[in-house]
């Protein structure tokens, strides 16, 4: 089972097992199964999202979705697309480096449907985190769950623009909190079964309090083919993402 990044390259060659900066990872837990990691941005279109059920009922997921969706944007960067979310009142937006790679400016589609320009103020390829700055009125900042401990089995939502479907919300749980087999981002990643698809890159993973706990970055797929979500996705923990984002903002 390969794991691929969900962002196809600008020009795709026949016979390749990986997409974009896909990475073949080592054997999982002695099963002898190789997998490919695929980042979750996409070519000409957008992002994906998912909702989790904590056992508190649909009202909790509805409330969490209502809190986060206004802060989420669809990112179009040249021929690539992904997602992002506002992190402060100054118009700063987090997304993935692989979504905006090679671009100085991008276009954002807000939850209202309005499109606004933004500039790339900096990125960290190793962490796969980038920061954008909106030109004009910005969406409300997302509630950030920095310092909030995650538990395996905790319900989460993924929000973004999978395949250009902006404002999509999907549900799942935290499958693991320190998945170090992946090579996207430094250190351990959050593993989730919340549905993440091409275009989800840079979108938020949120808990049922509507707080961002991770930045959706990659999915696993079978055999190096873009089979879409199979219930294994990865997110950069929000504490690490914000450390990188704050450094980028301070340097610019």
C-alpha atoms as a PDB file:
ATOM      1  CA  UNK A   1       0.000   0.000   0.000  1.00  0.00           C
ATOM      2  CA  UNK A   2       1.786   3.137  -1.150  1.00  0.00           C
ATOM      3  CA  UNK A   3       1.310   6.534   0.457  1.00  0.00           C
ATOM      4  CA  UNK A   4       1.130   9.489  -1.900  1.00  0.00           C
ATOM      5  CA  UNK A   5       0.886  13.206  -1.520  1.00  0.00           C
ATOM      6  CA  UNK A   6      -2.434  14.298  -2.951  1.00  0.00           C
ATOM      7  CA  UNK A   7      -1.071  17.119  -5.065  1.00  0.00           C
ATOM      8  CA  UNK A   8      -0.432  16.010  -8.643  1.00  0.00           C
ATOM      9  CA  UNK A   9       2.574  17.562 -10.343  1.00  0.00           C
ATOM     10  CA  UNK A  10       2.133  20.176 -13.031  1.00  0.00           C
ATOM     11  CA  UNK A  11       3.161  17.661 -15.684  1.00  0.00           C
ATOM     12  CA  UNK A  12       2.494  13.995 -14.971  1.00  0.00           C
ATOM     13  CA  UNK A  13       4.492  11.210 -16.621  1.00  0.00           C
ATOM     14  CA  UNK A  14       3.062   7.812 -17.451  1.00  0.00           C
ATOM     15  CA  UNK A  15       4.175   4.933 -15.283  1.00  0.00           C
ATOM     16  CA  UNK A  16       5.221   6.944 -12.270  1.00  0.00           C
ATOM     17  CA  UNK A  17       4.193   5.432  -8.945  1.00  0.00           C
ATOM     18  CA  UNK A  18       4.220   8.706  -7.063  1.00  0.00           C
ATOM     19  CA  UNK A  19       2.592  12.094  -7.485  1.00  0.00           C
ATOM     20  CA  UNK A  20       4.271  15.444  -6.819  1.00  0.00           C
ATOM     21  CA  UNK A  21       6.812  14.978  -4.043  1.00  0.00           C
ATOM     22  CA  UNK A  22       5.599  11.509  -3.115  1.00  0.00           C
ATOM     23  CA  UNK A  23       7.857   9.524  -0.832  1.00  0.00           C
ATOM     24  CA  UNK A  24       8.103   5.742  -0.674  1.00  0.00           C
ATOM     25  CA  UNK A  25       8.104   4.906   2.990  1.00  0.00           C
ATOM     26  CA  UNK A  26       9.610   1.988   4.818  1.00  0.00           C
ATOM     27  CA  UNK A  27       7.756  -1.194   5.674  1.00  0.00           C
ATOM     28  CA  UNK A  28       4.893  -0.595   8.126  1.00  0.00           C
ATOM     29  CA  UNK A  29       5.013  -2.416  11.444  1.00  0.00           C
ATOM     30  CA  UNK A  30       6.675  -5.491   9.962  1.00  0.00           C
ATOM     31  CA  UNK A  31       3.793  -6.183   7.584  1.00  0.00           C
ATOM     32  CA  UNK A  32       5.998  -5.961   4.520  1.00  0.00           C
ATOM     33  CA  UNK A  33       3.604  -3.442   2.991  1.00  0.00           C
ATOM     34  CA  UNK A  34       5.206  -0.426   1.360  1.00  0.00           C
ATOM     35  CA  UNK A  35       3.140   2.698   1.010  1.00  0.00           C
ATOM     36  CA  UNK A  36       3.403   6.019  -0.787  1.00  0.00           C
ATOM     37  CA  UNK A  37       2.823   9.378   0.869  1.00  0.00           C
ATOM     38  CA  UNK A  38       0.917  11.859  -1.238  1.00  0.00           C
ATOM     39  CA  UNK A  39       0.485  15.516  -0.366  1.00  0.00           C
ATOM     40  CA  UNK A  40      -3.073  16.692  -0.551  1.00  0.00           C
ATOM     41  CA  UNK A  41      -2.970  19.720  -2.791  1.00  0.00           C
ATOM     42  CA  UNK A  42      -4.204  19.241  -6.349  1.00  0.00           C
ATOM     43  CA  UNK A  43      -3.574  20.492  -9.870  1.00  0.00           C
ATOM     44  CA  UNK A  44      -6.104  22.992 -11.213  1.00  0.00           C
ATOM     45  CA  UNK A  45      -8.662  22.625  -8.435  1.00  0.00           C
ATOM     46  CA  UNK A  46      -9.140  22.612  -4.679  1.00  0.00           C
ATOM     47  CA  UNK A  47      -9.406  20.856  -1.318  1.00  0.00           C
ATOM     48  CA  UNK A  48     -11.271  18.414   0.977  1.00  0.00           C
ATOM     49  CA  UNK A  49     -12.822  18.242   4.443  1.00  0.00           C
ATOM     50  CA  UNK A  50     -14.248  15.786   6.985  1.00  0.00           C
ATOM     51  CA  UNK A  51     -16.393  15.713  10.137  1.00  0.00           C
ATOM     52  CA  UNK A  52     -15.939  13.590  13.247  1.00  0.00           C
ATOM     53  CA  UNK A  53     -18.481  12.083  15.623  1.00  0.00           C
ATOM     54  CA  UNK A  54     -17.454  12.090  19.286  1.00  0.00           C
ATOM     55  CA  UNK A  55     -20.522  10.343  20.597  1.00  0.00           C
ATOM     56  CA  UNK A  56     -22.007  13.687  21.597  1.00  0.00           C
ATOM     57  CA  UNK A  57     -24.224  13.661  18.544  1.00  0.00           C
ATOM     58  CA  UNK A  58     -24.519  15.631  15.322  1.00  0.00           C
ATOM     59  CA  UNK A  59     -25.093  18.904  17.170  1.00  0.00           C
ATOM     60  CA  UNK A  60     -21.434  18.909  18.296  1.00  0.00           C
ATOM     61  CA  UNK A  61     -20.087  18.391  14.786  1.00  0.00           C
ATOM     62  CA  UNK A  62     -22.463  21.003  13.410  1.00  0.00           C
ATOM     63  CA  UNK A  63     -21.288  23.532  15.981  1.00  0.00           C
ATOM     64  CA  UNK A  64     -17.607  22.774  15.317  1.00  0.00           C
ATOM     65  CA  UNK A  65     -18.116  23.066  11.565  1.00  0.00           C
ATOM     66  CA  UNK A  66     -19.954  26.351  11.977  1.00  0.00           C
ATOM     67  CA  UNK A  67     -17.044  27.766  13.965  1.00  0.00           C
ATOM     68  CA  UNK A  68     -14.282  26.805  11.547  1.00  0.00           C
ATOM     69  CA  UNK A  69     -15.761  27.081   8.036  1.00  0.00           C
ATOM     70  CA  UNK A  70     -15.791  30.931   7.938  1.00  0.00           C
ATOM     71  CA  UNK A  71     -12.020  30.916   8.582  1.00  0.00           C
ATOM     72  CA  UNK A  72     -11.158  28.427   5.811  1.00  0.00           C
ATOM     73  CA  UNK A  73     -10.120  29.507   2.306  1.00  0.00           C
ATOM     74  CA  UNK A  74      -9.526  27.782  -1.001  1.00  0.00           C
ATOM     75  CA  UNK A  75      -6.046  28.493  -2.380  1.00  0.00           C
ATOM     76  CA  UNK A  76      -5.283  28.719  -6.098  1.00  0.00           C
ATOM     77  CA  UNK A  77      -1.576  29.038  -6.862  1.00  0.00           C
ATOM     78  CA  UNK A  78      -0.805  28.882 -10.567  1.00  0.00           C
ATOM     79  CA  UNK A  79      -1.976  25.452 -11.718  1.00  0.00           C
ATOM     80  CA  UNK A  80      -2.066  24.085  -8.161  1.00  0.00           C
ATOM     81  CA  UNK A  81      -4.801  24.345  -5.567  1.00  0.00           C
ATOM     82  CA  UNK A  82      -5.342  23.562  -1.933  1.00  0.00           C
ATOM     83  CA  UNK A  83      -6.765  25.008   1.248  1.00  0.00           C
ATOM     84  CA  UNK A  84      -5.760  27.273   4.098  1.00  0.00           C
ATOM     85  CA  UNK A  85      -7.129  29.024   7.158  1.00  0.00           C
ATOM     86  CA  UNK A  86      -6.768  32.429   8.800  1.00  0.00           C
ATOM     87  CA  UNK A  87      -4.647  32.482  11.954  1.00  0.00           C
ATOM     88  CA  UNK A  88      -4.916  36.099  13.138  1.00  0.00           C
ATOM     89  CA  UNK A  89      -6.638  39.434  12.570  1.00  0.00           C
ATOM     90  CA  UNK A  90      -3.754  40.698  10.381  1.00  0.00           C
ATOM     91  CA  UNK A  91      -4.771  38.669   7.329  1.00  0.00           C
ATOM     92  CA  UNK A  92      -2.239  35.854   7.759  1.00  0.00           C
ATOM     93  CA  UNK A  93      -3.251  32.457   6.378  1.00  0.00           C
ATOM     94  CA  UNK A  94      -1.536  29.089   6.809  1.00  0.00           C
ATOM     95  CA  UNK A  95      -1.328  26.558   3.985  1.00  0.00           C
ATOM     96  CA  UNK A  96       1.162  23.902   2.846  1.00  0.00           C
ATOM     97  CA  UNK A  97       4.443  24.747   1.130  1.00  0.00           C
ATOM     98  CA  UNK A  98       3.730  22.230  -1.633  1.00  0.00           C
ATOM     99  CA  UNK A  99       0.497  24.061  -2.505  1.00  0.00           C
ATOM    100  CA  UNK A 100       2.211  27.408  -3.216  1.00  0.00           C
ATOM    101  CA  UNK A 101       5.674  26.206  -4.240  1.00  0.00           C
ATOM    102  CA  UNK A 102       7.165  28.444  -6.929  1.00  0.00           C
ATOM    103  CA  UNK A 103       4.529  31.167  -6.545  1.00  0.00           C
ATOM    104  CA  UNK A 104       4.833  34.678  -5.105  1.00  0.00           C
ATOM    105  CA  UNK A 105       1.130  35.466  -5.130  1.00  0.00           C
ATOM    106  CA  UNK A 106      -2.057  33.400  -5.011  1.00  0.00           C
ATOM    107  CA  UNK A 107      -5.823  33.810  -5.151  1.00  0.00           C
ATOM    108  CA  UNK A 108      -8.010  32.892  -2.191  1.00  0.00           C
ATOM    109  CA  UNK A 109     -11.686  32.075  -2.277  1.00  0.00           C
ATOM    110  CA  UNK A 110     -13.369  32.908   1.018  1.00  0.00           C
ATOM    111  CA  UNK A 111     -16.299  31.008   2.534  1.00  0.00           C
ATOM    112  CA  UNK A 112     -18.566  33.784   1.234  1.00  0.00           C
ATOM    113  CA  UNK A 113     -17.496  32.981  -2.337  1.00  0.00           C
ATOM    114  CA  UNK A 114     -15.546  36.225  -2.681  1.00  0.00           C
ATOM    115  CA  UNK A 115     -12.083  35.958  -4.253  1.00  0.00           C
ATOM    116  CA  UNK A 116      -9.185  38.010  -2.905  1.00  0.00           C
ATOM    117  CA  UNK A 117      -5.484  38.227  -3.805  1.00  0.00           C
ATOM    118  CA  UNK A 118      -2.792  37.233  -1.334  1.00  0.00           C
ATOM    119  CA  UNK A 119       0.990  37.225  -1.340  1.00  0.00           C
ATOM    120  CA  UNK A 120       3.271  34.453  -0.164  1.00  0.00           C
ATOM    121  CA  UNK A 121       5.327  35.943   2.655  1.00  0.00           C
ATOM    122  CA  UNK A 122       7.372  32.825   3.292  1.00  0.00           C
ATOM    123  CA  UNK A 123       7.439  29.048   3.602  1.00  0.00           C
ATOM    124  CA  UNK A 124       9.352  26.168   5.149  1.00  0.00           C
ATOM    125  CA  UNK A 125       9.678  23.196   2.745  1.00  0.00           C
ATOM    126  CA  UNK A 126      10.909  20.824   5.470  1.00  0.00           C
ATOM    127  CA  UNK A 127       7.858  21.474   7.641  1.00  0.00           C
ATOM    128  CA  UNK A 128       5.625  21.863   4.557  1.00  0.00           C
ATOM    129  CA  UNK A 129       4.138  25.059   6.016  1.00  0.00           C
ATOM    130  CA  UNK A 130       3.646  28.385   4.220  1.00  0.00           C
ATOM    131  CA  UNK A 131       2.164  31.716   5.308  1.00  0.00           C
ATOM    132  CA  UNK A 132       0.102  33.975   3.056  1.00  0.00           C
ATOM    133  CA  UNK A 133      -1.030  37.548   3.619  1.00  0.00           C
ATOM    134  CA  UNK A 134      -4.420  38.649   2.317  1.00  0.00           C
ATOM    135  CA  UNK A 135      -4.656  41.939   0.485  1.00  0.00           C
ATOM    136  CA  UNK A 136      -7.911  43.466   1.675  1.00  0.00           C
ATOM    137  CA  UNK A 137     -10.456  42.370   4.248  1.00  0.00           C
ATOM    138  CA  UNK A 138      -9.609  39.025   5.811  1.00  0.00           C
ATOM    139  CA  UNK A 139     -11.809  36.268   7.234  1.00  0.00           C
ATOM    140  CA  UNK A 140     -12.134  35.789  10.981  1.00  0.00           C
ATOM    141  CA  UNK A 141      -9.217  33.963  12.545  1.00  0.00           C
ATOM    142  CA  UNK A 142      -9.682  30.298  13.370  1.00  0.00           C
ATOM    143  CA  UNK A 143      -9.602  29.172  16.973  1.00  0.00           C
ATOM    144  CA  UNK A 144      -6.237  27.454  17.438  1.00  0.00           C
ATOM    145  CA  UNK A 145      -5.927  24.462  19.713  1.00  0.00           C
ATOM    146  CA  UNK A 146      -2.298  25.125  20.620  1.00  0.00           C
ATOM    147  CA  UNK A 147      -1.329  23.305  23.794  1.00  0.00           C
ATOM    148  CA  UNK A 148      -4.430  21.104  23.575  1.00  0.00           C
ATOM    149  CA  UNK A 149      -3.435  17.435  23.993  1.00  0.00           C
ATOM    150  CA  UNK A 150      -4.807  15.028  21.395  1.00  0.00           C
ATOM    151  CA  UNK A 151      -5.972  11.521  22.241  1.00  0.00           C
ATOM    152  CA  UNK A 152      -6.192   8.509  19.975  1.00  0.00           C
ATOM    153  CA  UNK A 153      -9.863   7.940  19.196  1.00  0.00           C
ATOM    154  CA  UNK A 154     -10.801  11.614  19.618  1.00  0.00           C
ATOM    155  CA  UNK A 155     -13.292  12.891  17.039  1.00  0.00           C
ATOM    156  CA  UNK A 156     -12.037  15.425  14.495  1.00  0.00           C
ATOM    157  CA  UNK A 157     -13.219  17.216  11.358  1.00  0.00           C
ATOM    158  CA  UNK A 158     -11.234  17.931   8.192  1.00  0.00           C
ATOM    159  CA  UNK A 159     -12.237  21.080   6.309  1.00  0.00           C
ATOM    160  CA  UNK A 160     -11.194  22.287   2.880  1.00  0.00           C
ATOM    161  CA  UNK A 161     -11.903  22.243  -0.856  1.00  0.00           C
ATOM    162  CA  UNK A 162     -11.434  18.674  -2.129  1.00  0.00           C
ATOM    163  CA  UNK A 163     -11.516  18.645  -5.924  1.00  0.00           C
ATOM    164  CA  UNK A 164     -12.555  22.286  -5.845  1.00  0.00           C
ATOM    165  CA  UNK A 165     -15.573  21.698  -3.595  1.00  0.00           C
ATOM    166  CA  UNK A 166     -14.935  24.575  -1.202  1.00  0.00           C
ATOM    167  CA  UNK A 167     -16.248  24.466   2.351  1.00  0.00           C
ATOM    168  CA  UNK A 168     -16.343  20.664   2.478  1.00  0.00           C
ATOM    169  CA  UNK A 169     -16.428  19.114   5.948  1.00  0.00           C
ATOM    170  CA  UNK A 170     -15.718  15.450   6.702  1.00  0.00           C
ATOM    171  CA  UNK A 171     -15.597  13.512   9.971  1.00  0.00           C
ATOM    172  CA  UNK A 172     -13.327  10.963  11.590  1.00  0.00           C
ATOM    173  CA  UNK A 173     -11.121  10.242  14.566  1.00  0.00           C
ATOM    174  CA  UNK A 174      -7.487  10.637  15.547  1.00  0.00           C
ATOM    175  CA  UNK A 175      -5.970   7.287  14.555  1.00  0.00           C
ATOM    176  CA  UNK A 176      -2.524   7.998  16.036  1.00  0.00           C
ATOM    177  CA  UNK A 177      -0.876  11.076  17.530  1.00  0.00           C
ATOM    178  CA  UNK A 178       2.815  10.578  16.767  1.00  0.00           C
ATOM    179  CA  UNK A 179       3.130   8.776  13.461  1.00  0.00           C
ATOM    180  CA  UNK A 180       6.865   9.037  12.835  1.00  0.00           C
ATOM    181  CA  UNK A 181       6.977   6.742   9.797  1.00  0.00           C
ATOM    182  CA  UNK A 182       5.897   9.602   7.568  1.00  0.00           C
ATOM    183  CA  UNK A 183       8.441  11.988   6.114  1.00  0.00           C
ATOM    184  CA  UNK A 184       6.157  14.977   5.557  1.00  0.00           C
ATOM    185  CA  UNK A 185       7.074  17.609   8.119  1.00  0.00           C
ATOM    186  CA  UNK A 186       9.603  17.226  10.917  1.00  0.00           C
ATOM    187  CA  UNK A 187       8.824  14.871  13.763  1.00  0.00           C
ATOM    188  CA  UNK A 188       5.598  12.967  14.365  1.00  0.00           C
ATOM    189  CA  UNK A 189       2.380  13.577  12.480  1.00  0.00           C
ATOM    190  CA  UNK A 190      -1.277  13.225  13.414  1.00  0.00           C
ATOM    191  CA  UNK A 191      -2.852  10.267  11.639  1.00  0.00           C
ATOM    192  CA  UNK A 192      -6.607  10.486  11.006  1.00  0.00           C
ATOM    193  CA  UNK A 193      -9.292   8.551   9.163  1.00  0.00           C
ATOM    194  CA  UNK A 194     -11.224  11.751   8.455  1.00  0.00           C
ATOM    195  CA  UNK A 195     -11.652  11.847   4.679  1.00  0.00           C
ATOM    196  CA  UNK A 196      -8.860  13.875   3.060  1.00  0.00           C
ATOM    197  CA  UNK A 197      -8.557  14.100  -0.708  1.00  0.00           C
ATOM    198  CA  UNK A 198      -6.646  16.104  -3.337  1.00  0.00           C
ATOM    199  CA  UNK A 199      -7.229  19.776  -2.604  1.00  0.00           C
ATOM    200  CA  UNK A 200      -7.307  19.319   1.186  1.00  0.00           C
ATOM    201  CA  UNK A 201      -3.668  20.333   1.571  1.00  0.00           C
ATOM    202  CA  UNK A 202      -3.269  23.211   4.005  1.00  0.00           C
ATOM    203  CA  UNK A 203      -6.786  22.940   5.395  1.00  0.00           C
ATOM    204  CA  UNK A 204      -7.470  22.536   9.112  1.00  0.00           C
ATOM    205  CA  UNK A 205      -8.047  19.427  11.171  1.00  0.00           C
ATOM    206  CA  UNK A 206     -10.266  20.528  14.069  1.00  0.00           C
ATOM    207  CA  UNK A 207     -11.605  19.055  17.292  1.00  0.00           C
ATOM    208  CA  UNK A 208     -15.253  19.215  18.292  1.00  0.00           C
ATOM    209  CA  UNK A 209     -14.656  22.508  20.088  1.00  0.00           C
ATOM    210  CA  UNK A 210     -13.914  23.969  16.648  1.00  0.00           C
ATOM    211  CA  UNK A 211     -10.209  24.402  17.498  1.00  0.00           C
ATOM    212  CA  UNK A 212      -7.556  23.710  14.853  1.00  0.00           C
ATOM    213  CA  UNK A 213      -5.339  20.829  15.970  1.00  0.00           C
ATOM    214  CA  UNK A 214      -3.510  20.138  12.713  1.00  0.00           C
ATOM    215  CA  UNK A 215      -2.788  21.163   9.122  1.00  0.00           C
ATOM    216  CA  UNK A 216      -3.883  18.478   6.641  1.00  0.00           C
ATOM    217  CA  UNK A 217      -0.952  17.497   4.455  1.00  0.00           C
ATOM    218  CA  UNK A 218      -0.924  13.966   3.045  1.00  0.00           C
ATOM    219  CA  UNK A 219      -2.923  10.797   2.400  1.00  0.00           C
ATOM    220  CA  UNK A 220      -2.125   7.146   1.849  1.00  0.00           C
ATOM    221  CA  UNK A 221      -3.155   5.435  -1.398  1.00  0.00           C
ATOM    222  CA  UNK A 222      -2.714   1.940  -2.798  1.00  0.00           C
ATOM    223  CA  UNK A 223      -0.056   0.943  -5.290  1.00  0.00           C
ATOM    224  CA  UNK A 224       1.120   4.439  -6.113  1.00  0.00           C
ATOM    225  CA  UNK A 225      -2.131   5.200  -7.884  1.00  0.00           C
ATOM    226  CA  UNK A 226      -4.349   8.169  -7.022  1.00  0.00           C
ATOM    227  CA  UNK A 227      -7.162   6.127  -5.555  1.00  0.00           C
ATOM    228  CA  UNK A 228      -8.375   8.918  -3.278  1.00  0.00           C
ATOM    229  CA  UNK A 229      -9.009   8.611   0.434  1.00  0.00           C
ATOM    230  CA  UNK A 230      -8.627   5.165   2.005  1.00  0.00           C
ATOM    231  CA  UNK A 231      -8.938   6.315   5.595  1.00  0.00           C
ATOM    232  CA  UNK A 232      -5.279   7.146   6.259  1.00  0.00           C
ATOM    233  CA  UNK A 233      -4.425  10.831   6.298  1.00  0.00           C
ATOM    234  CA  UNK A 234      -1.714  12.901   7.981  1.00  0.00           C
ATOM    235  CA  UNK A 235      -1.671  16.375   9.502  1.00  0.00           C
ATOM    236  CA  UNK A 236       1.106  18.603  10.845  1.00  0.00           C
ATOM    237  CA  UNK A 237       0.324  19.268  14.558  1.00  0.00           C
ATOM    238  CA  UNK A 238      -0.850  22.858  15.047  1.00  0.00           C
ATOM    239  CA  UNK A 239       1.771  23.666  17.707  1.00  0.00           C
ATOM    240  CA  UNK A 240       4.574  22.852  15.273  1.00  0.00           C
ATOM    241  CA  UNK A 241       2.805  24.611  12.402  1.00  0.00           C
ATOM    242  CA  UNK A 242       2.380  27.779  14.451  1.00  0.00           C
ATOM    243  CA  UNK A 243       6.021  27.763  15.546  1.00  0.00           C
ATOM    244  CA  UNK A 244       6.996  27.762  11.883  1.00  0.00           C
ATOM    245  CA  UNK A 245       4.348  30.334  10.932  1.00  0.00           C
ATOM    246  CA  UNK A 246       5.342  32.726  13.714  1.00  0.00           C
ATOM    247  CA  UNK A 247       8.973  32.510  12.660  1.00  0.00           C
ATOM    248  CA  UNK A 248       8.092  33.215   9.030  1.00  0.00           C
ATOM    249  CA  UNK A 249       5.977  36.227  10.028  1.00  0.00           C
ATOM    250  CA  UNK A 250       8.711  37.577  12.321  1.00  0.00           C
ATOM    251  CA  UNK A 251      11.305  37.288   9.565  1.00  0.00           C
ATOM    252  CA  UNK A 252       9.146  39.169   7.092  1.00  0.00           C
END
